[in-house]
Amino acid sequence: MTDLTTQSCQPKVDKLDQPRVDELLRQVPEWSAATDLSSIERSYGFDDFYRTMAFVNAVAWIANGEDHHPDLEVSYAKCVVRFSTHSVKGLSNNDFICAAKVDALLK
């Protein structure tokens, strides 16, 4: 199994099926998939707004570098990150690559 953080997002991707989603979720265990496999998401908690915003900016840096951008819900001490691949109307490897890279920010 290749470490997702060493991979890069690709411009042409395929939509993933349930078995592949389940396999990739094991590599990012704190993320969950929508029941219709349209997205994956994770909620991150922080001590204060400053740390939340620092995290948001780091996520933005990763997203720009990978050219794969999440939906973010930001509040004072929490950020929900949600990835999906609009071009396939569901999930692709790119979503899991970015999820792993976002997780790596806090390790």
PDB file of N, CA and C in Angstrom:
ATOM      1  N   MET A   1       0.843  -1.178   0.000  1.00  0.00           N
ATOM      2  CA  MET A   1       0.000   0.000   0.000  1.00  0.00           C
ATOM      3  C   MET A   1       0.892   1.247   0.000  1.00  0.00           C
ATOM      4  N   THR A   2       0.689   2.115  -0.969  1.00  0.00           N
ATOM      5  CA  THR A   2       1.476   3.338  -1.096  1.00  0.00           C
ATOM      6  C   THR A   2       0.938   4.413  -0.168  1.00  0.00           C
ATOM      7  N   ASP A   3       1.839   5.107   0.508  1.00  0.00           N
ATOM      8  CA  ASP A   3       1.455   6.204   1.393  1.00  0.00           C
ATOM      9  C   ASP A   3       0.814   7.309   0.560  1.00  0.00           C
ATOM     10  N   LEU A   4      -0.409   7.674   0.894  1.00  0.00           N
ATOM     11  CA  LEU A   4      -1.140   8.689   0.142  1.00  0.00           C
ATOM     12  C   LEU A   4      -0.426  10.035   0.140  1.00  0.00           C
ATOM     13  N   THR A   5       0.310  10.336   1.199  1.00  0.00           N
ATOM     14  CA  THR A   5       0.962  11.649   1.274  1.00  0.00           C
ATOM     15  C   THR A   5       2.113  11.799   0.284  1.00  0.00           C
ATOM     16  N   THR A   6       2.577  10.698  -0.297  1.00  0.00           N
ATOM     17  CA  THR A   6       3.654  10.770  -1.283  1.00  0.00           C
ATOM     18  C   THR A   6       3.127  10.889  -2.708  1.00  0.00           C
ATOM     19  N   GLN A   7       1.812  10.812  -2.861  1.00  0.00           N
ATOM     20  CA  GLN A   7       1.195  10.894  -4.187  1.00  0.00           C
ATOM     21  C   GLN A   7       0.758  12.328  -4.491  1.00  0.00           C
ATOM     22  N   SER A   8       0.493  12.590  -5.754  1.00  0.00           N
ATOM     23  CA  SER A   8      -0.010  13.886  -6.187  1.00  0.00           C
ATOM     24  C   SER A   8      -1.328  13.704  -6.924  1.00  0.00           C
ATOM     25  N   CYS A   9      -2.177  14.697  -6.821  1.00  0.00           N
ATOM     26  CA  CYS A   9      -3.462  14.652  -7.513  1.00  0.00           C
ATOM     27  C   CYS A   9      -3.247  14.666  -9.019  1.00  0.00           C
ATOM     28  N   GLN A  10      -4.108  13.967  -9.714  1.00  0.00           N
ATOM     29  CA  GLN A  10      -4.039  13.853 -11.167  1.00  0.00           C
ATOM     30  C   GLN A  10      -5.237  14.551 -11.805  1.00  0.00           C
ATOM     31  N   PRO A  11      -5.053  15.141 -12.985  1.00  0.00           N
ATOM     32  CA  PRO A  11      -6.164  15.855 -13.624  1.00  0.00           C
ATOM     33  C   PRO A  11      -7.257  14.932 -14.156  1.00  0.00           C
ATOM     34  N   LYS A  12      -6.902  13.763 -14.603  1.00  0.00           N
ATOM     35  CA  LYS A  12      -7.882  12.797 -15.128  1.00  0.00           C
ATOM     36  C   LYS A  12      -8.003  11.650 -14.130  1.00  0.00           C
ATOM     37  N   VAL A  13      -9.182  11.511 -13.546  1.00  0.00           N
ATOM     38  CA  VAL A  13      -9.390  10.481 -12.531  1.00  0.00           C
ATOM     39  C   VAL A  13     -10.705   9.761 -12.789  1.00  0.00           C
ATOM     40  N   ASP A  14     -10.826   8.590 -12.172  1.00  0.00           N
ATOM     41  CA  ASP A  14     -12.050   7.807 -12.263  1.00  0.00           C
ATOM     42  C   ASP A  14     -12.808   7.880 -10.944  1.00  0.00           C
ATOM     43  N   LYS A  15     -14.097   7.716 -11.027  1.00  0.00           N
ATOM     44  CA  LYS A  15     -14.945   7.648  -9.838  1.00  0.00           C
ATOM     45  C   LYS A  15     -14.693   6.312  -9.141  1.00  0.00           C
ATOM     46  N   LEU A  16     -14.594   6.360  -7.825  1.00  0.00           N
ATOM     47  CA  LEU A  16     -14.301   5.161  -7.046  1.00  0.00           C
ATOM     48  C   LEU A  16     -15.582   4.419  -6.671  1.00  0.00           C
ATOM     49  N   ASP A  17     -15.464   3.093  -6.598  1.00  0.00           N
ATOM     50  CA  ASP A  17     -16.595   2.283  -6.141  1.00  0.00           C
ATOM     51  C   ASP A  17     -16.460   2.028  -4.628  1.00  0.00           C
ATOM     52  N   GLN A  18     -17.488   1.462  -4.043  1.00  0.00           N
ATOM     53  CA  GLN A  18     -17.527   1.252  -2.585  1.00  0.00           C
ATOM     54  C   GLN A  18     -16.336   0.462  -2.053  1.00  0.00           C
ATOM     55  N   PRO A  19     -15.936  -0.661  -2.681  1.00  0.00           N
ATOM     56  CA  PRO A  19     -14.783  -1.393  -2.135  1.00  0.00           C
ATOM     57  C   PRO A  19     -13.503  -0.554  -2.099  1.00  0.00           C
ATOM     58  N   ARG A  20     -13.270   0.236  -3.125  1.00  0.00           N
ATOM     59  CA  ARG A  20     -12.054   1.070  -3.151  1.00  0.00           C
ATOM     60  C   ARG A  20     -12.144   2.197  -2.120  1.00  0.00           C
ATOM     61  N   VAL A  21     -13.331   2.785  -1.976  1.00  0.00           N
ATOM     62  CA  VAL A  21     -13.525   3.819  -0.949  1.00  0.00           C
ATOM     63  C   VAL A  21     -13.238   3.235   0.428  1.00  0.00           C
ATOM     64  N   ASP A  22     -13.765   2.047   0.696  1.00  0.00           N
ATOM     65  CA  ASP A  22     -13.540   1.399   1.994  1.00  0.00           C
ATOM     66  C   ASP A  22     -12.050   1.156   2.229  1.00  0.00           C
ATOM     67  N   GLU A  23     -11.350   0.731   1.197  1.00  0.00           N
ATOM     68  CA  GLU A  23      -9.911   0.478   1.299  1.00  0.00           C
ATOM     69  C   GLU A  23      -9.148   1.771   1.612  1.00  0.00           C
ATOM     70  N   LEU A  24      -9.489   2.838   0.928  1.00  0.00           N
ATOM     71  CA  LEU A  24      -8.789   4.109   1.148  1.00  0.00           C
ATOM     72  C   LEU A  24      -9.160   4.739   2.487  1.00  0.00           C
ATOM     73  N   LEU A  25     -10.383   4.542   2.943  1.00  0.00           N
ATOM     74  CA  LEU A  25     -10.781   5.074   4.257  1.00  0.00           C
ATOM     75  C   LEU A  25      -9.940   4.473   5.377  1.00  0.00           C
ATOM     76  N   ARG A  26      -9.468   3.263   5.191  1.00  0.00           N
ATOM     77  CA  ARG A  26      -8.597   2.648   6.210  1.00  0.00           C
ATOM     78  C   ARG A  26      -7.282   3.409   6.338  1.00  0.00           C
ATOM     79  N   GLN A  27      -6.888   4.127   5.283  1.00  0.00           N
ATOM     80  CA  GLN A  27      -5.652   4.904   5.329  1.00  0.00           C
ATOM     81  C   GLN A  27      -5.859   6.292   5.936  1.00  0.00           C
ATOM     82  N   VAL A  28      -7.106   6.737   6.000  1.00  0.00           N
ATOM     83  CA  VAL A  28      -7.447   8.022   6.645  1.00  0.00           C
ATOM     84  C   VAL A  28      -8.631   7.748   7.587  1.00  0.00           C
ATOM     85  N   PRO A  29      -8.372   7.010   8.665  1.00  0.00           N
ATOM     86  CA  PRO A  29      -9.451   6.451   9.480  1.00  0.00           C
ATOM     87  C   PRO A  29     -10.357   7.454  10.184  1.00  0.00           C
ATOM     88  N   GLU A  30      -9.940   8.695  10.338  1.00  0.00           N
ATOM     89  CA  GLU A  30     -10.806   9.665  11.012  1.00  0.00           C
ATOM     90  C   GLU A  30     -11.736  10.392  10.043  1.00  0.00           C
ATOM     91  N   TRP A  31     -11.651  10.058   8.783  1.00  0.00           N
ATOM     92  CA  TRP A  31     -12.538  10.619   7.775  1.00  0.00           C
ATOM     93  C   TRP A  31     -13.718   9.681   7.580  1.00  0.00           C
ATOM     94  N   SER A  32     -14.840  10.241   7.158  1.00  0.00           N
ATOM     95  CA  SER A  32     -16.016   9.420   6.878  1.00  0.00           C
ATOM     96  C   SER A  32     -16.556   9.777   5.499  1.00  0.00           C
ATOM     97  N   ALA A  33     -17.133   8.785   4.852  1.00  0.00           N
ATOM     98  CA  ALA A  33     -17.710   8.981   3.525  1.00  0.00           C
ATOM     99  C   ALA A  33     -19.208   9.179   3.645  1.00  0.00           C
ATOM    100  N   ALA A  34     -19.741  10.059   2.807  1.00  0.00           N
ATOM    101  CA  ALA A  34     -21.190  10.214   2.710  1.00  0.00           C
ATOM    102  C   ALA A  34     -21.773   8.889   2.217  1.00  0.00           C
ATOM    103  N   THR A  35     -22.986   8.584   2.623  1.00  0.00           N
ATOM    104  CA  THR A  35     -23.586   7.300   2.254  1.00  0.00           C
ATOM    105  C   THR A  35     -23.721   7.131   0.739  1.00  0.00           C
ATOM    106  N   ASP A  36     -23.855   8.235   0.012  1.00  0.00           N
ATOM    107  CA  ASP A  36     -23.950   8.149  -1.448  1.00  0.00           C
ATOM    108  C   ASP A  36     -22.584   8.250  -2.132  1.00  0.00           C
ATOM    109  N   LEU A  37     -21.513   8.219  -1.349  1.00  0.00           N
ATOM    110  CA  LEU A  37     -20.129   8.293  -1.830  1.00  0.00           C
ATOM    111  C   LEU A  37     -19.862   9.572  -2.622  1.00  0.00           C
ATOM    112  N   SER A  38     -20.550  10.647  -2.259  1.00  0.00           N
ATOM    113  CA  SER A  38     -20.354  11.918  -2.951  1.00  0.00           C
ATOM    114  C   SER A  38     -19.204  12.731  -2.359  1.00  0.00           C
ATOM    115  N   SER A  39     -18.801  12.420  -1.117  1.00  0.00           N
ATOM    116  CA  SER A  39     -17.753  13.196  -0.460  1.00  0.00           C
ATOM    117  C   SER A  39     -17.201  12.439   0.744  1.00  0.00           C
ATOM    118  N   ILE A  40     -16.047  12.931   1.221  1.00  0.00           N
ATOM    119  CA  ILE A  40     -15.508  12.494   2.511  1.00  0.00           C
ATOM    120  C   ILE A  40     -15.309  13.742   3.350  1.00  0.00           C
ATOM    121  N   GLU A  41     -15.417  13.583   4.668  1.00  0.00           N
ATOM    122  CA  GLU A  41     -15.231  14.749   5.529  1.00  0.00           C
ATOM    123  C   GLU A  41     -14.646  14.350   6.873  1.00  0.00           C
ATOM    124  N   ARG A  42     -14.067  15.371   7.492  1.00  0.00           N
ATOM    125  CA  ARG A  42     -13.526  15.235   8.848  1.00  0.00           C
ATOM    126  C   ARG A  42     -13.638  16.581   9.546  1.00  0.00           C
ATOM    127  N   SER A  43     -13.917  16.524  10.829  1.00  0.00           N
ATOM    128  CA  SER A  43     -13.987  17.724  11.656  1.00  0.00           C
ATOM    129  C   SER A  43     -12.725  17.802  12.518  1.00  0.00           C
ATOM    130  N   TYR A  44     -12.128  18.979  12.554  1.00  0.00           N
ATOM    131  CA  TYR A  44     -10.921  19.230  13.352  1.00  0.00           C
ATOM    132  C   TYR A  44     -11.245  20.270  14.413  1.00  0.00           C
ATOM    133  N   GLY A  45     -10.829  20.026  15.640  1.00  0.00           N
ATOM    134  CA  GLY A  45     -11.044  20.974  16.725  1.00  0.00           C
ATOM    135  C   GLY A  45      -9.743  21.648  17.134  1.00  0.00           C
ATOM    136  N   PHE A  46      -9.858  22.929  17.565  1.00  0.00           N
ATOM    137  CA  PHE A  46      -8.692  23.715  17.949  1.00  0.00           C
ATOM    138  C   PHE A  46      -8.979  24.469  19.238  1.00  0.00           C
ATOM    139  N   ASP A  47      -7.936  25.023  19.827  1.00  0.00           N
ATOM    140  CA  ASP A  47      -8.075  25.748  21.093  1.00  0.00           C
ATOM    141  C   ASP A  47      -8.641  27.149  20.929  1.00  0.00           C
ATOM    142  N   ASP A  48      -8.447  27.737  19.752  1.00  0.00           N
ATOM    143  CA  ASP A  48      -8.901  29.116  19.568  1.00  0.00           C
ATOM    144  C   ASP A  48      -8.996  29.441  18.079  1.00  0.00           C
ATOM    145  N   PHE A  49      -9.488  30.625  17.798  1.00  0.00           N
ATOM    146  CA  PHE A  49      -9.697  31.055  16.419  1.00  0.00           C
ATOM    147  C   PHE A  49      -8.386  31.179  15.651  1.00  0.00           C
ATOM    148  N   TYR A  50      -7.354  31.682  16.299  1.00  0.00           N
ATOM    149  CA  TYR A  50      -6.057  31.833  15.638  1.00  0.00           C
ATOM    150  C   TYR A  50      -5.549  30.495  15.102  1.00  0.00           C
ATOM    151  N   ARG A  51      -5.606  29.451  15.916  1.00  0.00           N
ATOM    152  CA  ARG A  51      -5.145  28.128  15.486  1.00  0.00           C
ATOM    153  C   ARG A  51      -6.045  27.555  14.397  1.00  0.00           C
ATOM    154  N   THR A  52      -7.336  27.810  14.513  1.00  0.00           N
ATOM    155  CA  THR A  52      -8.258  27.362  13.465  1.00  0.00           C
ATOM    156  C   THR A  52      -7.895  27.994  12.136  1.00  0.00           C
ATOM    157  N   MET A  53      -7.658  29.300  12.144  1.00  0.00           N
ATOM    158  CA  MET A  53      -7.345  30.000  10.903  1.00  0.00           C
ATOM    159  C   MET A  53      -5.970  29.610  10.355  1.00  0.00           C
ATOM    160  N   ALA A  54      -5.028  29.318  11.221  1.00  0.00           N
ATOM    161  CA  ALA A  54      -3.723  28.839  10.760  1.00  0.00           C
ATOM    162  C   ALA A  54      -3.885  27.507  10.026  1.00  0.00           C
ATOM    163  N   PHE A  55      -4.730  26.647  10.574  1.00  0.00           N
ATOM    164  CA  PHE A  55      -5.022  25.367   9.931  1.00  0.00           C
ATOM    165  C   PHE A  55      -5.699  25.594   8.579  1.00  0.00           C
ATOM    166  N   VAL A  56      -6.694  26.462   8.537  1.00  0.00           N
ATOM    167  CA  VAL A  56      -7.405  26.754   7.288  1.00  0.00           C
ATOM    168  C   VAL A  56      -6.429  27.238   6.219  1.00  0.00           C
ATOM    169  N   ASN A  57      -5.523  28.109   6.589  1.00  0.00           N
ATOM    170  CA  ASN A  57      -4.532  28.606   5.627  1.00  0.00           C
ATOM    171  C   ASN A  57      -3.602  27.497   5.148  1.00  0.00           C
ATOM    172  N   ALA A  58      -3.234  26.587   6.033  1.00  0.00           N
ATOM    173  CA  ALA A  58      -2.388  25.464   5.632  1.00  0.00           C
ATOM    174  C   ALA A  58      -3.144  24.527   4.687  1.00  0.00           C
ATOM    175  N   VAL A  59      -4.424  24.305   4.960  1.00  0.00           N
ATOM    176  CA  VAL A  59      -5.251  23.485   4.060  1.00  0.00           C
ATOM    177  C   VAL A  59      -5.338  24.158   2.688  1.00  0.00           C
ATOM    178  N   ALA A  60      -5.512  25.468   2.672  1.00  0.00           N
ATOM    179  CA  ALA A  60      -5.580  26.197   1.406  1.00  0.00           C
ATOM    180  C   ALA A  60      -4.277  26.051   0.618  1.00  0.00           C
ATOM    181  N   TRP A  61      -3.151  26.083   1.308  1.00  0.00           N
ATOM    182  CA  TRP A  61      -1.851  25.925   0.655  1.00  0.00           C
ATOM    183  C   TRP A  61      -1.741  24.545   0.005  1.00  0.00           C
ATOM    184  N   ILE A  62      -2.148  23.503   0.738  1.00  0.00           N
ATOM    185  CA  ILE A  62      -2.133  22.140   0.186  1.00  0.00           C
ATOM    186  C   ILE A  62      -3.065  22.059  -1.022  1.00  0.00           C
ATOM    187  N   ALA A  63      -4.281  22.572  -0.870  1.00  0.00           N
ATOM    188  CA  ALA A  63      -5.278  22.497  -1.938  1.00  0.00           C
ATOM    189  C   ALA A  63      -4.790  23.187  -3.208  1.00  0.00           C
ATOM    190  N   ASN A  64      -4.177  24.344  -3.064  1.00  0.00           N
ATOM    191  CA  ASN A  64      -3.652  25.043  -4.238  1.00  0.00           C
ATOM    192  C   ASN A  64      -2.540  24.249  -4.898  1.00  0.00           C
ATOM    193  N   GLY A  65      -1.659  23.687  -4.094  1.00  0.00           N
ATOM    194  CA  GLY A  65      -0.563  22.890  -4.628  1.00  0.00           C
ATOM    195  C   GLY A  65      -1.029  21.657  -5.383  1.00  0.00           C
ATOM    196  N   GLU A  66      -2.109  21.057  -4.912  1.00  0.00           N
ATOM    197  CA  GLU A  66      -2.653  19.856  -5.549  1.00  0.00           C
ATOM    198  C   GLU A  66      -3.712  20.183  -6.604  1.00  0.00           C
ATOM    199  N   ASP A  67      -4.127  21.452  -6.672  1.00  0.00           N
ATOM    200  CA  ASP A  67      -5.219  21.880  -7.556  1.00  0.00           C
ATOM    201  C   ASP A  67      -6.475  21.028  -7.317  1.00  0.00           C
ATOM    202  N   HIS A  68      -6.763  20.808  -6.031  1.00  0.00           N
ATOM    203  CA  HIS A  68      -7.950  20.035  -5.617  1.00  0.00           C
ATOM    204  C   HIS A  68      -8.457  20.682  -4.333  1.00  0.00           C
ATOM    205  N   HIS A  69      -9.578  21.345  -4.416  1.00  0.00           N
ATOM    206  CA  HIS A  69     -10.005  22.252  -3.358  1.00  0.00           C
ATOM    207  C   HIS A  69     -11.202  21.716  -2.578  1.00  0.00           C
ATOM    208  N   PRO A  70     -11.132  21.765  -1.255  1.00  0.00           N
ATOM    209  CA  PRO A  70     -12.220  21.260  -0.419  1.00  0.00           C
ATOM    210  C   PRO A  70     -13.271  22.335  -0.147  1.00  0.00           C
ATOM    211  N   ASP A  71     -14.387  21.891   0.373  1.00  0.00           N
ATOM    212  CA  ASP A  71     -15.340  22.794   1.012  1.00  0.00           C
ATOM    213  C   ASP A  71     -14.926  22.862   2.474  1.00  0.00           C
ATOM    214  N   LEU A  72     -14.932  24.056   3.031  1.00  0.00           N
ATOM    215  CA  LEU A  72     -14.538  24.254   4.426  1.00  0.00           C
ATOM    216  C   LEU A  72     -15.672  24.926   5.176  1.00  0.00           C
ATOM    217  N   GLU A  73     -15.967  24.423   6.364  1.00  0.00           N
ATOM    218  CA  GLU A  73     -16.881  25.082   7.290  1.00  0.00           C
ATOM    219  C   GLU A  73     -16.046  25.505   8.487  1.00  0.00           C
ATOM    220  N   VAL A  74     -15.936  26.803   8.692  1.00  0.00           N
ATOM    221  CA  VAL A  74     -15.028  27.336   9.708  1.00  0.00           C
ATOM    222  C   VAL A  74     -15.821  28.040  10.796  1.00  0.00           C
ATOM    223  N   SER A  75     -15.492  27.717  12.041  1.00  0.00           N
ATOM    224  CA  SER A  75     -16.035  28.441  13.188  1.00  0.00           C
ATOM    225  C   SER A  75     -14.888  28.760  14.139  1.00  0.00           C
ATOM    226  N   TYR A  76     -15.200  29.282  15.288  1.00  0.00           N
ATOM    227  CA  TYR A  76     -14.186  29.764  16.218  1.00  0.00           C
ATOM    228  C   TYR A  76     -13.099  28.720  16.501  1.00  0.00           C
ATOM    229  N   ALA A  77     -13.493  27.523  16.863  1.00  0.00           N
ATOM    230  CA  ALA A  77     -12.516  26.514  17.278  1.00  0.00           C
ATOM    231  C   ALA A  77     -12.714  25.191  16.541  1.00  0.00           C
ATOM    232  N   LYS A  78     -13.239  25.261  15.327  1.00  0.00           N
ATOM    233  CA  LYS A  78     -13.520  24.027  14.588  1.00  0.00           C
ATOM    234  C   LYS A  78     -13.476  24.317  13.093  1.00  0.00           C
ATOM    235  N   CYS A  79     -13.027  23.314  12.348  1.00  0.00           N
ATOM    236  CA  CYS A  79     -13.072  23.375  10.890  1.00  0.00           C
ATOM    237  C   CYS A  79     -13.485  22.002  10.368  1.00  0.00           C
ATOM    238  N   VAL A  80     -14.523  21.977   9.555  1.00  0.00           N
ATOM    239  CA  VAL A  80     -14.926  20.753   8.871  1.00  0.00           C
ATOM    240  C   VAL A  80     -14.393  20.843   7.446  1.00  0.00           C
ATOM    241  N   VAL A  81     -13.658  19.810   7.052  1.00  0.00           N
ATOM    242  CA  VAL A  81     -13.074  19.757   5.715  1.00  0.00           C
ATOM    243  C   VAL A  81     -13.812  18.665   4.942  1.00  0.00           C
ATOM    244  N   ARG A  82     -14.265  19.013   3.740  1.00  0.00           N
ATOM    245  CA  ARG A  82     -15.010  18.067   2.914  1.00  0.00           C
ATOM    246  C   ARG A  82     -14.422  18.063   1.502  1.00  0.00           C
ATOM    247  N   PHE A  83     -14.014  16.873   1.054  1.00  0.00           N
ATOM    248  CA  PHE A  83     -13.482  16.720  -0.297  1.00  0.00           C
ATOM    249  C   PHE A  83     -14.444  15.919  -1.161  1.00  0.00           C
ATOM    250  N   SER A  84     -14.540  16.302  -2.419  1.00  0.00           N
ATOM    251  CA  SER A  84     -15.235  15.531  -3.442  1.00  0.00           C
ATOM    252  C   SER A  84     -14.625  15.912  -4.783  1.00  0.00           C
ATOM    253  N   THR A  85     -14.866  15.093  -5.775  1.00  0.00           N
ATOM    254  CA  THR A  85     -14.349  15.373  -7.113  1.00  0.00           C
ATOM    255  C   THR A  85     -15.543  15.664  -8.010  1.00  0.00           C
ATOM    256  N   HIS A  86     -15.745  16.936  -8.290  1.00  0.00           N
ATOM    257  CA  HIS A  86     -16.923  17.356  -9.038  1.00  0.00           C
ATOM    258  C   HIS A  86     -16.950  16.780 -10.449  1.00  0.00           C
ATOM    259  N   SER A  87     -15.793  16.608 -11.063  1.00  0.00           N
ATOM    260  CA  SER A  87     -15.750  16.114 -12.439  1.00  0.00           C
ATOM    261  C   SER A  87     -16.267  14.680 -12.573  1.00  0.00           C
ATOM    262  N   VAL A  88     -16.210  13.894 -11.496  1.00  0.00           N
ATOM    263  CA  VAL A  88     -16.736  12.521 -11.545  1.00  0.00           C
ATOM    264  C   VAL A  88     -18.021  12.384 -10.735  1.00  0.00           C
ATOM    265  N   LYS A  89     -18.483  13.493 -10.152  1.00  0.00           N
ATOM    266  CA  LYS A  89     -19.702  13.499  -9.333  1.00  0.00           C
ATOM    267  C   LYS A  89     -19.628  12.458  -8.215  1.00  0.00           C
ATOM    268  N   GLY A  90     -18.489  12.444  -7.536  1.00  0.00           N
ATOM    269  CA  GLY A  90     -18.283  11.494  -6.449  1.00  0.00           C
ATOM    270  C   GLY A  90     -16.870  11.579  -5.929  1.00  0.00           C
ATOM    271  N   LEU A  91     -16.331  10.448  -5.563  1.00  0.00           N
ATOM    272  CA  LEU A  91     -14.997  10.382  -4.968  1.00  0.00           C
ATOM    273  C   LEU A  91     -13.973   9.834  -5.949  1.00  0.00           C
ATOM    274  N   SER A  92     -12.761  10.371  -5.848  1.00  0.00           N
ATOM    275  CA  SER A  92     -11.627   9.872  -6.628  1.00  0.00           C
ATOM    276  C   SER A  92     -10.435   9.730  -5.694  1.00  0.00           C
ATOM    277  N   ASN A  93      -9.357   9.175  -6.222  1.00  0.00           N
ATOM    278  CA  ASN A  93      -8.130   9.075  -5.428  1.00  0.00           C
ATOM    279  C   ASN A  93      -7.674  10.438  -4.936  1.00  0.00           C
ATOM    280  N   ASN A  94      -7.915  11.496  -5.716  1.00  0.00           N
ATOM    281  CA  ASN A  94      -7.482  12.835  -5.330  1.00  0.00           C
ATOM    282  C   ASN A  94      -8.039  13.247  -3.969  1.00  0.00           C
ATOM    283  N   ASP A  95      -9.268  12.867  -3.682  1.00  0.00           N
ATOM    284  CA  ASP A  95      -9.873  13.227  -2.399  1.00  0.00           C
ATOM    285  C   ASP A  95      -9.110  12.612  -1.234  1.00  0.00           C
ATOM    286  N   PHE A  96      -8.691  11.390  -1.389  1.00  0.00           N
ATOM    287  CA  PHE A  96      -7.983  10.693  -0.319  1.00  0.00           C
ATOM    288  C   PHE A  96      -6.535  11.158  -0.193  1.00  0.00           C
ATOM    289  N   ILE A  97      -5.919  11.494  -1.309  1.00  0.00           N
ATOM    290  CA  ILE A  97      -4.570  12.063  -1.275  1.00  0.00           C
ATOM    291  C   ILE A  97      -4.587  13.357  -0.463  1.00  0.00           C
ATOM    292  N   CYS A  98      -5.533  14.221  -0.771  1.00  0.00           N
ATOM    293  CA  CYS A  98      -5.611  15.498  -0.050  1.00  0.00           C
ATOM    294  C   CYS A  98      -5.996  15.301   1.415  1.00  0.00           C
ATOM    295  N   ALA A  99      -6.890  14.377   1.692  1.00  0.00           N
ATOM    296  CA  ALA A  99      -7.267  14.095   3.080  1.00  0.00           C
ATOM    297  C   ALA A  99      -6.046  13.657   3.882  1.00  0.00           C
ATOM    298  N   ALA A 100      -5.234  12.797   3.319  1.00  0.00           N
ATOM    299  CA  ALA A 100      -4.027  12.328   4.017  1.00  0.00           C
ATOM    300  C   ALA A 100      -3.049  13.483   4.239  1.00  0.00           C
ATOM    301  N   LYS A 101      -2.912  14.356   3.269  1.00  0.00           N
ATOM    302  CA  LYS A 101      -2.006  15.486   3.410  1.00  0.00           C
ATOM    303  C   LYS A 101      -2.506  16.478   4.448  1.00  0.00           C
ATOM    304  N   VAL A 102      -3.801  16.671   4.538  1.00  0.00           N
ATOM    305  CA  VAL A 102      -4.363  17.542   5.569  1.00  0.00           C
ATOM    306  C   VAL A 102      -4.139  16.909   6.944  1.00  0.00           C
ATOM    307  N   ASP A 103      -4.381  15.624   7.077  1.00  0.00           N
ATOM    308  CA  ASP A 103      -4.118  14.937   8.353  1.00  0.00           C
ATOM    309  C   ASP A 103      -2.657  15.099   8.782  1.00  0.00           C
ATOM    310  N   ALA A 104      -1.754  15.048   7.824  1.00  0.00           N
ATOM    311  CA  ALA A 104      -0.324  15.136   8.129  1.00  0.00           C
ATOM    312  C   ALA A 104       0.059  16.484   8.728  1.00  0.00           C
ATOM    313  N   LEU A 105      -0.763  17.498   8.518  1.00  0.00           N
ATOM    314  CA  LEU A 105      -0.488  18.814   9.114  1.00  0.00           C
ATOM    315  C   LEU A 105      -0.422  18.750  10.631  1.00  0.00           C
ATOM    316  N   LEU A 106      -1.193  17.860  11.227  1.00  0.00           N
ATOM    317  CA  LEU A 106      -1.326  17.827  12.685  1.00  0.00           C
ATOM    318  C   LEU A 106      -0.548  16.696  13.335  1.00  0.00           C
ATOM    319  N   LYS A 107       0.272  16.023  12.573  1.00  0.00           N
ATOM    320  CA  LYS A 107       1.058  14.922  13.160  1.00  0.00           C
ATOM    321  C   LYS A 107       2.384  15.421  13.666  1.00  0.00           C
TER     322      LYS A 107
END
